[in-house]
Each structure stands twice: as structure tokens, then as C-alpha cells.
Amino acid sequence: MKLAVVTGNPHKAREVAAYLEGVIEVEQVALDCPEFRHSDVGEIAKGKARFAFETLGRPLIVDDTAFCIEAWKGFPGPYAAYVLDTLGIPGILKLMEGVPNRNARFITAIGYADKEEIRVFRGTIEGRIVAPRGSGGFGYDPIFEVNGRTFAEVPLAEKSALSHRGKALAAFSAWVREKGT
């Protein structure tokens, strides 16, 4: 079976392919999915997976990620991409000036769909917001620190193993192996 990774983000697709190498063959498929709104990224991923499967008619995964800043009561949450596109890293850091609580978390939900079912697999990682460091990664990676390093400072294979997406992919991979797909 070949699995479609539905994303327009080539960084995400490479991360998924690297994580699932040897488990299942993946192919990136760029598809514009409607932006489902919900406070739970799992529900968003489920809606995107349903739409993508109805459109493509083949086994696939989609994902949705929330970036939750503790001092902002979890905002931007599932609106993380919009906030990053609108404010950028400089704007987020400007809003964080003078805020002593720098704790944040990523939550990723992977939605899997095939002709039989839709399933959701989740992963979470706790960290903190810091001044930008590193040259790798994408999105919030330069300002999200875990264990003394930002995601932009961590090699892709290591990031894939410890990240929120990696944890969700681990749950998905274990299910695929158990299912025998």
C-alpha cells in the first residue's frame, strides 16, 4: 500500500517520509482542504481526512497542529499557522516581551482515512519560547526549545523522534504494524 501524505508543506512531507521509512511507502499530495474550525486539532484532522479521502479515494494521512502558549491561555492553538503567517516570529516575540511564563506546547493530530475508517493519532511535546536559534526546521522551530535546544538546532532525524509530530507518527506507525497493512 502507498500512503498519501496530504500537505502542501514539503518540510512536513519529508519529516513524515523519514519517520515512516521502512514501515510504509509515502507520497506527498498537495490538496487544498477546507480550513475546518474547532478548538480540538483532532476534530480538525478528522474533517480534513474525510474531505481528502472523498476527493482522492485512497488511503491517506493529514495532520493539524496547535501551538499553545501557556501565558496566552493556549492561544494561538489551532490557529498557529494563521498567527505565524500574520505576525511572524518577530511579532510573536514582540507580544511575549515582559511575559515571564514562556511555557508552550505543540499538539499534533494525524488523521488517517481509508475506505473503512477515519482514525486520529495524537502527539504532544512541552517546551518553552526563546530567542530564535538554529538554521534548520520550519515554522516555530527557531523559537521552540526542548531540553536546551530549539527544534531549528536539532537534526531532522532526532527532531522526528522527539517531536509532537513524531509522537503522533509513532502512534500511527504502531497501529499500522498491528493492523498488518
N, C-alpha and C. Protein backbone atom coordinates (compact mmCIF):
# COMPACT_ATOMS: atom_id res chain seq x y z
N MET A 1 0.84 -1.19 0.00
CA MET A 1 0.00 0.00 0.00
C MET A 1 0.88 1.24 0.00
N LYS A 2 0.51 2.21 -0.80
CA LYS A 2 1.17 3.51 -0.81
C LYS A 2 0.25 4.48 -0.09
N LEU A 3 0.81 5.25 0.81
CA LEU A 3 0.04 6.18 1.63
C LEU A 3 0.26 7.60 1.13
N ALA A 4 -0.81 8.32 0.90
CA ALA A 4 -0.71 9.73 0.52
C ALA A 4 -0.56 10.56 1.78
N VAL A 5 0.44 11.44 1.78
CA VAL A 5 0.60 12.42 2.84
C VAL A 5 0.09 13.73 2.26
N VAL A 6 -1.08 14.13 2.70
CA VAL A 6 -1.75 15.28 2.12
C VAL A 6 -1.28 16.55 2.83
N THR A 7 -0.40 17.27 2.15
CA THR A 7 0.12 18.53 2.66
C THR A 7 0.77 19.30 1.51
N GLY A 8 0.68 20.59 1.59
CA GLY A 8 1.39 21.44 0.65
C GLY A 8 2.76 21.82 1.17
N ASN A 9 3.07 21.38 2.39
CA ASN A 9 4.32 21.73 3.06
C ASN A 9 5.36 20.64 2.81
N PRO A 10 6.35 20.88 1.96
CA PRO A 10 7.34 19.84 1.67
C PRO A 10 8.19 19.46 2.89
N HIS A 11 8.38 20.41 3.84
CA HIS A 11 9.13 20.10 5.07
C HIS A 11 8.40 19.02 5.88
N LYS A 12 7.09 19.20 6.00
CA LYS A 12 6.26 18.23 6.73
C LYS A 12 6.30 16.87 6.03
N ALA A 13 6.17 16.89 4.72
CA ALA A 13 6.17 15.64 3.95
C ALA A 13 7.49 14.89 4.13
N ARG A 14 8.62 15.61 4.12
CA ARG A 14 9.93 14.96 4.32
C ARG A 14 10.03 14.37 5.73
N GLU A 15 9.51 15.11 6.70
CA GLU A 15 9.55 14.64 8.09
C GLU A 15 8.74 13.35 8.22
N VAL A 16 7.57 13.31 7.62
CA VAL A 16 6.72 12.11 7.67
C VAL A 16 7.39 10.95 6.95
N ALA A 17 7.92 11.22 5.75
CA ALA A 17 8.58 10.16 4.97
C ALA A 17 9.78 9.60 5.73
N ALA A 18 10.56 10.46 6.35
CA ALA A 18 11.72 10.00 7.12
C ALA A 18 11.28 9.14 8.29
N TYR A 19 10.22 9.55 8.95
CA TYR A 19 9.76 8.80 10.12
C TYR A 19 9.20 7.43 9.73
N LEU A 20 8.47 7.37 8.64
CA LEU A 20 7.79 6.13 8.25
C LEU A 20 8.62 5.24 7.31
N GLU A 21 9.86 5.66 7.03
CA GLU A 21 10.72 4.87 6.14
C GLU A 21 10.86 3.44 6.68
N GLY A 22 10.66 2.49 5.82
CA GLY A 22 10.75 1.09 6.21
C GLY A 22 9.45 0.53 6.77
N VAL A 23 8.47 1.40 7.03
CA VAL A 23 7.17 0.96 7.57
C VAL A 23 6.13 0.96 6.46
N ILE A 24 6.07 2.07 5.75
CA ILE A 24 5.07 2.23 4.70
C ILE A 24 5.60 3.25 3.69
N GLU A 25 5.32 3.04 2.42
CA GLU A 25 5.75 3.96 1.38
C GLU A 25 4.80 5.15 1.35
N VAL A 26 5.37 6.35 1.31
CA VAL A 26 4.53 7.55 1.31
C VAL A 26 4.80 8.39 0.07
N GLU A 27 3.79 9.18 -0.28
CA GLU A 27 3.87 10.09 -1.41
C GLU A 27 3.17 11.38 -1.01
N GLN A 28 3.84 12.51 -1.20
CA GLN A 28 3.21 13.80 -0.90
C GLN A 28 2.17 14.12 -1.96
N VAL A 29 1.01 14.55 -1.51
CA VAL A 29 -0.05 15.01 -2.40
C VAL A 29 -0.50 16.37 -1.88
N ALA A 30 -0.33 17.39 -2.69
CA ALA A 30 -0.79 18.72 -2.32
C ALA A 30 -2.26 18.83 -2.70
N LEU A 31 -3.10 19.09 -1.73
CA LEU A 31 -4.54 19.22 -1.95
C LEU A 31 -5.04 20.33 -1.05
N ASP A 32 -5.76 21.26 -1.61
CA ASP A 32 -6.35 22.32 -0.79
C ASP A 32 -7.55 21.76 -0.05
N CYS A 33 -7.41 21.61 1.24
CA CYS A 33 -8.51 21.16 2.09
C CYS A 33 -9.17 22.37 2.73
N PRO A 34 -10.48 22.32 2.93
CA PRO A 34 -11.13 23.41 3.65
C PRO A 34 -10.52 23.56 5.04
N GLU A 35 -10.51 24.77 5.53
CA GLU A 35 -10.00 25.02 6.88
C GLU A 35 -11.13 24.80 7.88
N PHE A 36 -11.21 23.62 8.42
CA PHE A 36 -12.21 23.31 9.42
C PHE A 36 -11.85 24.04 10.70
N ARG A 37 -12.83 24.56 11.39
CA ARG A 37 -12.60 25.29 12.64
C ARG A 37 -13.11 24.46 13.81
N HIS A 38 -12.25 24.31 14.80
CA HIS A 38 -12.61 23.60 16.03
C HIS A 38 -11.51 23.88 17.03
N SER A 39 -11.81 23.83 18.29
CA SER A 39 -10.78 24.04 19.32
C SER A 39 -9.90 22.80 19.50
N ASP A 40 -10.34 21.65 18.99
CA ASP A 40 -9.60 20.39 19.11
C ASP A 40 -8.98 20.04 17.76
N VAL A 41 -7.64 19.98 17.71
CA VAL A 41 -6.97 19.66 16.45
C VAL A 41 -7.33 18.26 15.95
N GLY A 42 -7.73 17.38 16.83
CA GLY A 42 -8.17 16.04 16.42
C GLY A 42 -9.42 16.11 15.55
N GLU A 43 -10.35 16.97 15.93
CA GLU A 43 -11.56 17.14 15.12
C GLU A 43 -11.25 17.79 13.78
N ILE A 44 -10.30 18.72 13.78
CA ILE A 44 -9.89 19.36 12.53
C ILE A 44 -9.25 18.32 11.61
N ALA A 45 -8.35 17.50 12.16
CA ALA A 45 -7.68 16.46 11.36
C ALA A 45 -8.70 15.46 10.81
N LYS A 46 -9.69 15.12 11.62
CA LYS A 46 -10.73 14.19 11.18
C LYS A 46 -11.51 14.76 9.99
N GLY A 47 -11.86 16.03 10.07
CA GLY A 47 -12.59 16.68 8.98
C GLY A 47 -11.75 16.78 7.71
N LYS A 48 -10.47 17.11 7.86
CA LYS A 48 -9.58 17.18 6.70
C LYS A 48 -9.39 15.79 6.08
N ALA A 49 -9.25 14.77 6.92
CA ALA A 49 -9.06 13.40 6.41
C ALA A 49 -10.30 12.95 5.64
N ARG A 50 -11.47 13.25 6.15
CA ARG A 50 -12.71 12.88 5.47
C ARG A 50 -12.79 13.55 4.10
N PHE A 51 -12.53 14.86 4.07
CA PHE A 51 -12.56 15.60 2.82
C PHE A 51 -11.53 15.05 1.82
N ALA A 52 -10.30 14.84 2.28
CA ALA A 52 -9.23 14.38 1.40
C ALA A 52 -9.55 12.99 0.85
N PHE A 53 -10.10 12.11 1.69
CA PHE A 53 -10.42 10.77 1.19
C PHE A 53 -11.55 10.83 0.17
N GLU A 54 -12.56 11.64 0.43
CA GLU A 54 -13.66 11.78 -0.53
C GLU A 54 -13.15 12.32 -1.86
N THR A 55 -12.13 13.15 -1.82
CA THR A 55 -11.56 13.74 -3.04
C THR A 55 -10.61 12.78 -3.75
N LEU A 56 -9.72 12.12 -3.00
CA LEU A 56 -8.67 11.30 -3.60
C LEU A 56 -9.03 9.81 -3.71
N GLY A 57 -9.85 9.32 -2.78
CA GLY A 57 -10.28 7.92 -2.81
C GLY A 57 -9.16 6.92 -2.57
N ARG A 58 -8.18 7.30 -1.77
CA ARG A 58 -7.08 6.38 -1.46
C ARG A 58 -6.62 6.58 -0.02
N PRO A 59 -5.97 5.58 0.58
CA PRO A 59 -5.51 5.73 1.96
C PRO A 59 -4.57 6.93 2.10
N LEU A 60 -4.77 7.68 3.18
CA LEU A 60 -4.01 8.92 3.34
C LEU A 60 -3.93 9.33 4.79
N ILE A 61 -3.00 10.26 5.03
CA ILE A 61 -2.97 10.95 6.31
C ILE A 61 -2.90 12.44 6.06
N VAL A 62 -3.47 13.17 6.99
CA VAL A 62 -3.38 14.62 7.05
C VAL A 62 -2.95 14.93 8.48
N ASP A 63 -2.56 16.15 8.72
CA ASP A 63 -2.32 16.49 10.12
C ASP A 63 -2.76 17.91 10.38
N ASP A 64 -2.93 18.19 11.63
CA ASP A 64 -3.18 19.55 12.07
C ASP A 64 -2.43 19.73 13.38
N THR A 65 -1.86 20.90 13.55
CA THR A 65 -1.03 21.16 14.72
C THR A 65 -1.48 22.43 15.41
N ALA A 66 -1.48 22.36 16.73
CA ALA A 66 -1.75 23.53 17.57
C ALA A 66 -0.45 23.92 18.27
N PHE A 67 -0.22 25.21 18.38
CA PHE A 67 0.89 25.75 19.16
C PHE A 67 0.26 26.53 20.29
N CYS A 68 0.42 26.05 21.50
CA CYS A 68 -0.29 26.59 22.65
C CYS A 68 0.67 27.29 23.60
N ILE A 69 0.49 28.58 23.78
CA ILE A 69 1.32 29.37 24.68
C ILE A 69 0.58 29.48 26.01
N GLU A 70 1.21 28.96 27.05
CA GLU A 70 0.56 28.88 28.36
C GLU A 70 0.12 30.26 28.87
N ALA A 71 0.96 31.27 28.74
CA ALA A 71 0.63 32.62 29.24
C ALA A 71 -0.54 33.22 28.48
N TRP A 72 -0.81 32.73 27.29
CA TRP A 72 -1.93 33.22 26.49
C TRP A 72 -3.11 32.27 26.54
N LYS A 73 -3.17 31.46 27.60
CA LYS A 73 -4.27 30.50 27.80
C LYS A 73 -4.47 29.57 26.61
N GLY A 74 -3.34 29.16 26.00
CA GLY A 74 -3.39 28.20 24.90
C GLY A 74 -3.45 28.80 23.51
N PHE A 75 -3.61 30.11 23.42
CA PHE A 75 -3.59 30.76 22.11
C PHE A 75 -2.16 30.72 21.55
N PRO A 76 -1.95 30.57 20.27
CA PRO A 76 -2.90 30.55 19.17
C PRO A 76 -3.58 29.21 18.93
N GLY A 77 -3.14 28.14 19.61
CA GLY A 77 -3.80 26.85 19.48
C GLY A 77 -3.90 26.41 18.03
N PRO A 78 -5.10 26.03 17.57
CA PRO A 78 -5.24 25.53 16.20
C PRO A 78 -5.11 26.63 15.14
N TYR A 79 -4.95 27.88 15.57
CA TYR A 79 -4.75 28.99 14.64
C TYR A 79 -3.27 29.33 14.49
N ALA A 80 -2.41 28.38 14.84
CA ALA A 80 -0.96 28.61 14.84
C ALA A 80 -0.44 29.04 13.48
N ALA A 81 -0.86 28.38 12.42
CA ALA A 81 -0.36 28.73 11.07
C ALA A 81 -0.78 30.14 10.69
N TYR A 82 -2.03 30.49 10.97
CA TYR A 82 -2.52 31.82 10.65
C TYR A 82 -1.74 32.89 11.42
N VAL A 83 -1.52 32.66 12.71
CA VAL A 83 -0.79 33.63 13.53
C VAL A 83 0.65 33.75 13.04
N LEU A 84 1.28 32.65 12.69
CA LEU A 84 2.65 32.70 12.17
C LEU A 84 2.69 33.46 10.84
N ASP A 85 1.73 33.17 9.96
CA ASP A 85 1.69 33.87 8.67
C ASP A 85 1.41 35.36 8.84
N THR A 86 0.59 35.71 9.82
CA THR A 86 0.18 37.10 10.01
C THR A 86 1.21 37.91 10.79
N LEU A 87 1.68 37.38 11.91
CA LEU A 87 2.59 38.13 12.78
C LEU A 87 4.06 37.78 12.55
N GLY A 88 4.28 36.52 12.18
CA GLY A 88 5.66 36.05 12.05
C GLY A 88 6.31 35.88 13.41
N ILE A 89 7.49 35.31 13.39
CA ILE A 89 8.25 35.11 14.64
C ILE A 89 8.52 36.45 15.34
N PRO A 90 8.93 37.51 14.60
CA PRO A 90 9.18 38.78 15.30
C PRO A 90 7.95 39.32 16.04
N GLY A 91 6.78 39.20 15.42
CA GLY A 91 5.56 39.68 16.07
C GLY A 91 5.21 38.88 17.32
N ILE A 92 5.37 37.59 17.24
CA ILE A 92 5.10 36.74 18.41
C ILE A 92 6.05 37.09 19.55
N LEU A 93 7.33 37.24 19.22
CA LEU A 93 8.31 37.58 20.26
C LEU A 93 8.04 38.97 20.83
N LYS A 94 7.59 39.89 20.00
CA LYS A 94 7.24 41.24 20.48
C LYS A 94 6.11 41.14 21.50
N LEU A 95 5.09 40.34 21.21
CA LEU A 95 3.97 40.16 22.14
C LEU A 95 4.39 39.43 23.42
N MET A 96 5.47 38.67 23.35
CA MET A 96 5.95 37.92 24.52
C MET A 96 6.88 38.76 25.41
N GLU A 97 7.26 39.96 24.94
CA GLU A 97 8.15 40.80 25.74
C GLU A 97 7.54 41.05 27.11
N GLY A 98 8.36 40.85 28.14
CA GLY A 98 7.92 41.08 29.51
C GLY A 98 7.03 39.99 30.08
N VAL A 99 6.78 38.94 29.33
CA VAL A 99 5.95 37.83 29.81
C VAL A 99 6.88 36.79 30.43
N PRO A 100 6.82 36.61 31.75
CA PRO A 100 7.76 35.69 32.39
C PRO A 100 7.49 34.21 32.08
N ASN A 101 6.24 33.85 31.91
CA ASN A 101 5.91 32.45 31.63
C ASN A 101 6.11 32.18 30.14
N ARG A 102 7.15 31.45 29.80
CA ARG A 102 7.49 31.17 28.41
C ARG A 102 7.10 29.75 27.99
N ASN A 103 6.36 29.05 28.84
CA ASN A 103 5.98 27.67 28.53
C ASN A 103 5.03 27.60 27.34
N ALA A 104 5.26 26.58 26.52
CA ALA A 104 4.42 26.37 25.34
C ALA A 104 4.40 24.88 25.04
N ARG A 105 3.45 24.48 24.20
CA ARG A 105 3.38 23.08 23.79
C ARG A 105 2.87 23.01 22.36
N PHE A 106 3.32 21.98 21.70
CA PHE A 106 2.78 21.63 20.39
C PHE A 106 1.90 20.40 20.56
N ILE A 107 0.78 20.39 19.87
CA ILE A 107 -0.09 19.21 19.82
C ILE A 107 -0.37 18.94 18.35
N THR A 108 -0.05 17.74 17.91
CA THR A 108 -0.35 17.35 16.53
C THR A 108 -1.35 16.21 16.54
N ALA A 109 -2.31 16.31 15.64
CA ALA A 109 -3.25 15.21 15.42
C ALA A 109 -3.10 14.79 13.97
N ILE A 110 -2.85 13.51 13.78
CA ILE A 110 -2.78 12.93 12.44
C ILE A 110 -4.10 12.22 12.18
N GLY A 111 -4.73 12.59 11.08
CA GLY A 111 -5.96 11.93 10.67
C GLY A 111 -5.66 10.95 9.55
N TYR A 112 -6.01 9.69 9.76
CA TYR A 112 -5.84 8.64 8.75
C TYR A 112 -7.22 8.31 8.21
N ALA A 113 -7.31 8.15 6.89
CA ALA A 113 -8.59 7.75 6.29
C ALA A 113 -8.34 6.72 5.21
N ASP A 114 -9.21 5.73 5.18
CA ASP A 114 -9.28 4.78 4.08
C ASP A 114 -10.76 4.48 3.85
N LYS A 115 -11.07 3.48 3.01
CA LYS A 115 -12.47 3.23 2.69
C LYS A 115 -13.26 2.69 3.87
N GLU A 116 -12.57 2.24 4.93
CA GLU A 116 -13.24 1.64 6.08
C GLU A 116 -13.41 2.57 7.27
N GLU A 117 -12.45 3.49 7.46
CA GLU A 117 -12.49 4.26 8.70
C GLU A 117 -11.67 5.54 8.63
N ILE A 118 -11.90 6.36 9.65
CA ILE A 118 -11.07 7.54 9.92
C ILE A 118 -10.61 7.39 11.36
N ARG A 119 -9.30 7.52 11.55
CA ARG A 119 -8.71 7.43 12.89
C ARG A 119 -7.85 8.65 13.15
N VAL A 120 -7.69 8.99 14.42
CA VAL A 120 -6.86 10.13 14.80
C VAL A 120 -5.79 9.65 15.79
N PHE A 121 -4.56 10.10 15.55
CA PHE A 121 -3.41 9.77 16.40
C PHE A 121 -2.79 11.09 16.85
N ARG A 122 -2.51 11.20 18.16
CA ARG A 122 -2.05 12.47 18.71
C ARG A 122 -0.65 12.38 19.29
N GLY A 123 0.01 13.53 19.30
CA GLY A 123 1.31 13.66 19.94
C GLY A 123 1.46 15.05 20.51
N THR A 124 2.08 15.15 21.68
CA THR A 124 2.27 16.43 22.36
C THR A 124 3.71 16.54 22.85
N ILE A 125 4.25 17.74 22.80
CA ILE A 125 5.56 17.99 23.40
C ILE A 125 5.53 19.35 24.09
N GLU A 126 6.11 19.36 25.28
CA GLU A 126 6.20 20.57 26.08
C GLU A 126 7.56 21.23 25.83
N GLY A 127 7.57 22.55 25.85
CA GLY A 127 8.81 23.29 25.68
C GLY A 127 8.63 24.71 26.16
N ARG A 128 9.50 25.58 25.64
CA ARG A 128 9.40 26.99 26.01
C ARG A 128 9.81 27.87 24.85
N ILE A 129 9.34 29.09 24.88
CA ILE A 129 9.65 30.06 23.84
C ILE A 129 10.93 30.79 24.21
N VAL A 130 11.86 30.85 23.25
CA VAL A 130 13.16 31.50 23.45
C VAL A 130 13.46 32.39 22.25
N ALA A 131 14.55 33.15 22.36
CA ALA A 131 15.02 33.93 21.22
C ALA A 131 15.40 32.97 20.10
N PRO A 132 15.22 33.36 18.85
CA PRO A 132 15.49 32.46 17.72
C PRO A 132 16.93 31.94 17.70
N ARG A 133 17.03 30.63 17.46
CA ARG A 133 18.33 29.98 17.32
C ARG A 133 18.21 28.85 16.33
N GLY A 134 19.27 28.62 15.57
CA GLY A 134 19.33 27.49 14.66
C GLY A 134 18.94 27.85 13.25
N SER A 135 19.32 26.98 12.34
CA SER A 135 19.06 27.25 10.92
C SER A 135 18.22 26.18 10.25
N GLY A 136 17.86 25.14 10.98
CA GLY A 136 17.04 24.07 10.41
C GLY A 136 15.57 24.28 10.72
N GLY A 137 14.79 23.30 10.31
CA GLY A 137 13.38 23.29 10.65
C GLY A 137 12.56 24.30 9.88
N PHE A 138 11.36 24.55 10.38
CA PHE A 138 10.42 25.47 9.74
C PHE A 138 9.43 25.94 10.78
N GLY A 139 8.64 26.93 10.43
CA GLY A 139 7.59 27.42 11.33
C GLY A 139 8.15 27.98 12.62
N TYR A 140 7.64 27.48 13.73
CA TYR A 140 8.02 27.94 15.06
C TYR A 140 9.34 27.33 15.55
N ASP A 141 9.94 26.45 14.78
CA ASP A 141 11.14 25.72 15.23
C ASP A 141 12.25 26.59 15.82
N PRO A 142 12.56 27.77 15.25
CA PRO A 142 13.66 28.55 15.81
C PRO A 142 13.40 29.11 17.22
N ILE A 143 12.14 29.18 17.65
CA ILE A 143 11.84 29.76 18.97
C ILE A 143 11.29 28.73 19.96
N PHE A 144 11.17 27.47 19.56
CA PHE A 144 10.62 26.45 20.46
C PHE A 144 11.76 25.58 20.96
N GLU A 145 12.02 25.69 22.26
CA GLU A 145 13.15 25.00 22.88
C GLU A 145 12.68 23.81 23.72
N VAL A 146 13.36 22.69 23.53
CA VAL A 146 13.12 21.48 24.31
C VAL A 146 14.50 20.96 24.74
N ASN A 147 14.65 20.72 26.02
CA ASN A 147 15.92 20.19 26.54
C ASN A 147 17.13 21.02 26.12
N GLY A 148 17.00 22.35 26.15
CA GLY A 148 18.12 23.24 25.90
C GLY A 148 18.43 23.55 24.45
N ARG A 149 17.68 22.96 23.52
CA ARG A 149 17.90 23.25 22.10
C ARG A 149 16.57 23.55 21.42
N THR A 150 16.62 24.47 20.45
CA THR A 150 15.41 24.72 19.66
C THR A 150 15.28 23.62 18.63
N PHE A 151 14.07 23.44 18.12
CA PHE A 151 13.86 22.46 17.06
C PHE A 151 14.68 22.81 15.81
N ALA A 152 15.01 24.09 15.63
CA ALA A 152 15.83 24.51 14.48
C ALA A 152 17.30 24.11 14.67
N GLU A 153 17.68 23.73 15.88
CA GLU A 153 19.06 23.30 16.16
C GLU A 153 19.21 21.78 16.15
N VAL A 154 18.10 21.08 16.03
CA VAL A 154 18.11 19.61 16.13
C VAL A 154 18.07 19.00 14.73
N PRO A 155 18.94 18.03 14.44
CA PRO A 155 18.86 17.36 13.13
C PRO A 155 17.48 16.72 12.92
N LEU A 156 17.06 16.63 11.65
CA LEU A 156 15.72 16.16 11.31
C LEU A 156 15.40 14.80 11.92
N ALA A 157 16.33 13.85 11.84
CA ALA A 157 16.05 12.51 12.37
C ALA A 157 15.79 12.55 13.88
N GLU A 158 16.55 13.37 14.58
CA GLU A 158 16.36 13.50 16.03
C GLU A 158 15.05 14.22 16.34
N LYS A 159 14.76 15.28 15.57
CA LYS A 159 13.51 16.02 15.77
C LYS A 159 12.32 15.10 15.53
N SER A 160 12.40 14.30 14.47
CA SER A 160 11.30 13.39 14.15
C SER A 160 11.03 12.42 15.28
N ALA A 161 12.08 12.02 15.98
CA ALA A 161 11.92 11.05 17.06
C ALA A 161 11.29 11.66 18.31
N LEU A 162 11.52 12.96 18.55
CA LEU A 162 11.05 13.53 19.82
C LEU A 162 9.91 14.51 19.68
N SER A 163 9.60 14.94 18.47
CA SER A 163 8.60 16.00 18.29
C SER A 163 7.17 15.52 18.49
N HIS A 164 6.28 16.46 18.55
CA HIS A 164 4.84 16.22 18.62
C HIS A 164 4.38 15.42 17.42
N ARG A 165 4.86 15.78 16.23
CA ARG A 165 4.51 15.03 15.02
C ARG A 165 5.10 13.62 15.10
N GLY A 166 6.34 13.53 15.60
CA GLY A 166 6.97 12.22 15.76
C GLY A 166 6.19 11.31 16.70
N LYS A 167 5.67 11.88 17.78
CA LYS A 167 4.88 11.08 18.72
C LYS A 167 3.57 10.62 18.09
N ALA A 168 2.93 11.51 17.32
CA ALA A 168 1.70 11.12 16.63
C ALA A 168 2.01 10.06 15.57
N LEU A 169 3.12 10.24 14.86
CA LEU A 169 3.52 9.25 13.86
C LEU A 169 3.89 7.91 14.49
N ALA A 170 4.47 7.95 15.69
CA ALA A 170 4.78 6.71 16.41
C ALA A 170 3.51 5.94 16.71
N ALA A 171 2.48 6.65 17.16
CA ALA A 171 1.20 6.00 17.45
C ALA A 171 0.59 5.44 16.16
N PHE A 172 0.66 6.21 15.07
CA PHE A 172 0.15 5.75 13.78
C PHE A 172 0.93 4.54 13.30
N SER A 173 2.25 4.60 13.37
CA SER A 173 3.12 3.51 12.91
C SER A 173 2.85 2.21 13.69
N ALA A 174 2.68 2.35 15.01
CA ALA A 174 2.37 1.16 15.83
C ALA A 174 1.04 0.56 15.40
N TRP A 175 0.07 1.39 15.11
CA TRP A 175 -1.24 0.90 14.66
C TRP A 175 -1.12 0.21 13.32
N VAL A 176 -0.36 0.82 12.38
CA VAL A 176 -0.17 0.21 11.06
C VAL A 176 0.47 -1.16 11.20
N ARG A 177 1.49 -1.27 12.03
CA ARG A 177 2.16 -2.56 12.23
C ARG A 177 1.22 -3.59 12.84
N GLU A 178 0.44 -3.13 13.81
CA GLU A 178 -0.53 -4.04 14.47
C GLU A 178 -1.59 -4.51 13.49
N LYS A 179 -2.04 -3.59 12.65
CA LYS A 179 -3.08 -3.88 11.67
C LYS A 179 -2.53 -4.78 10.56
N GLY A 180 -1.21 -4.69 10.32
CA GLY A 180 -0.59 -5.52 9.28
C GLY A 180 -0.78 -4.99 7.89
N THR A 181 -0.89 -3.67 7.77
CA THR A 181 -1.08 -3.04 6.46
C THR A 181 0.23 -3.01 5.70
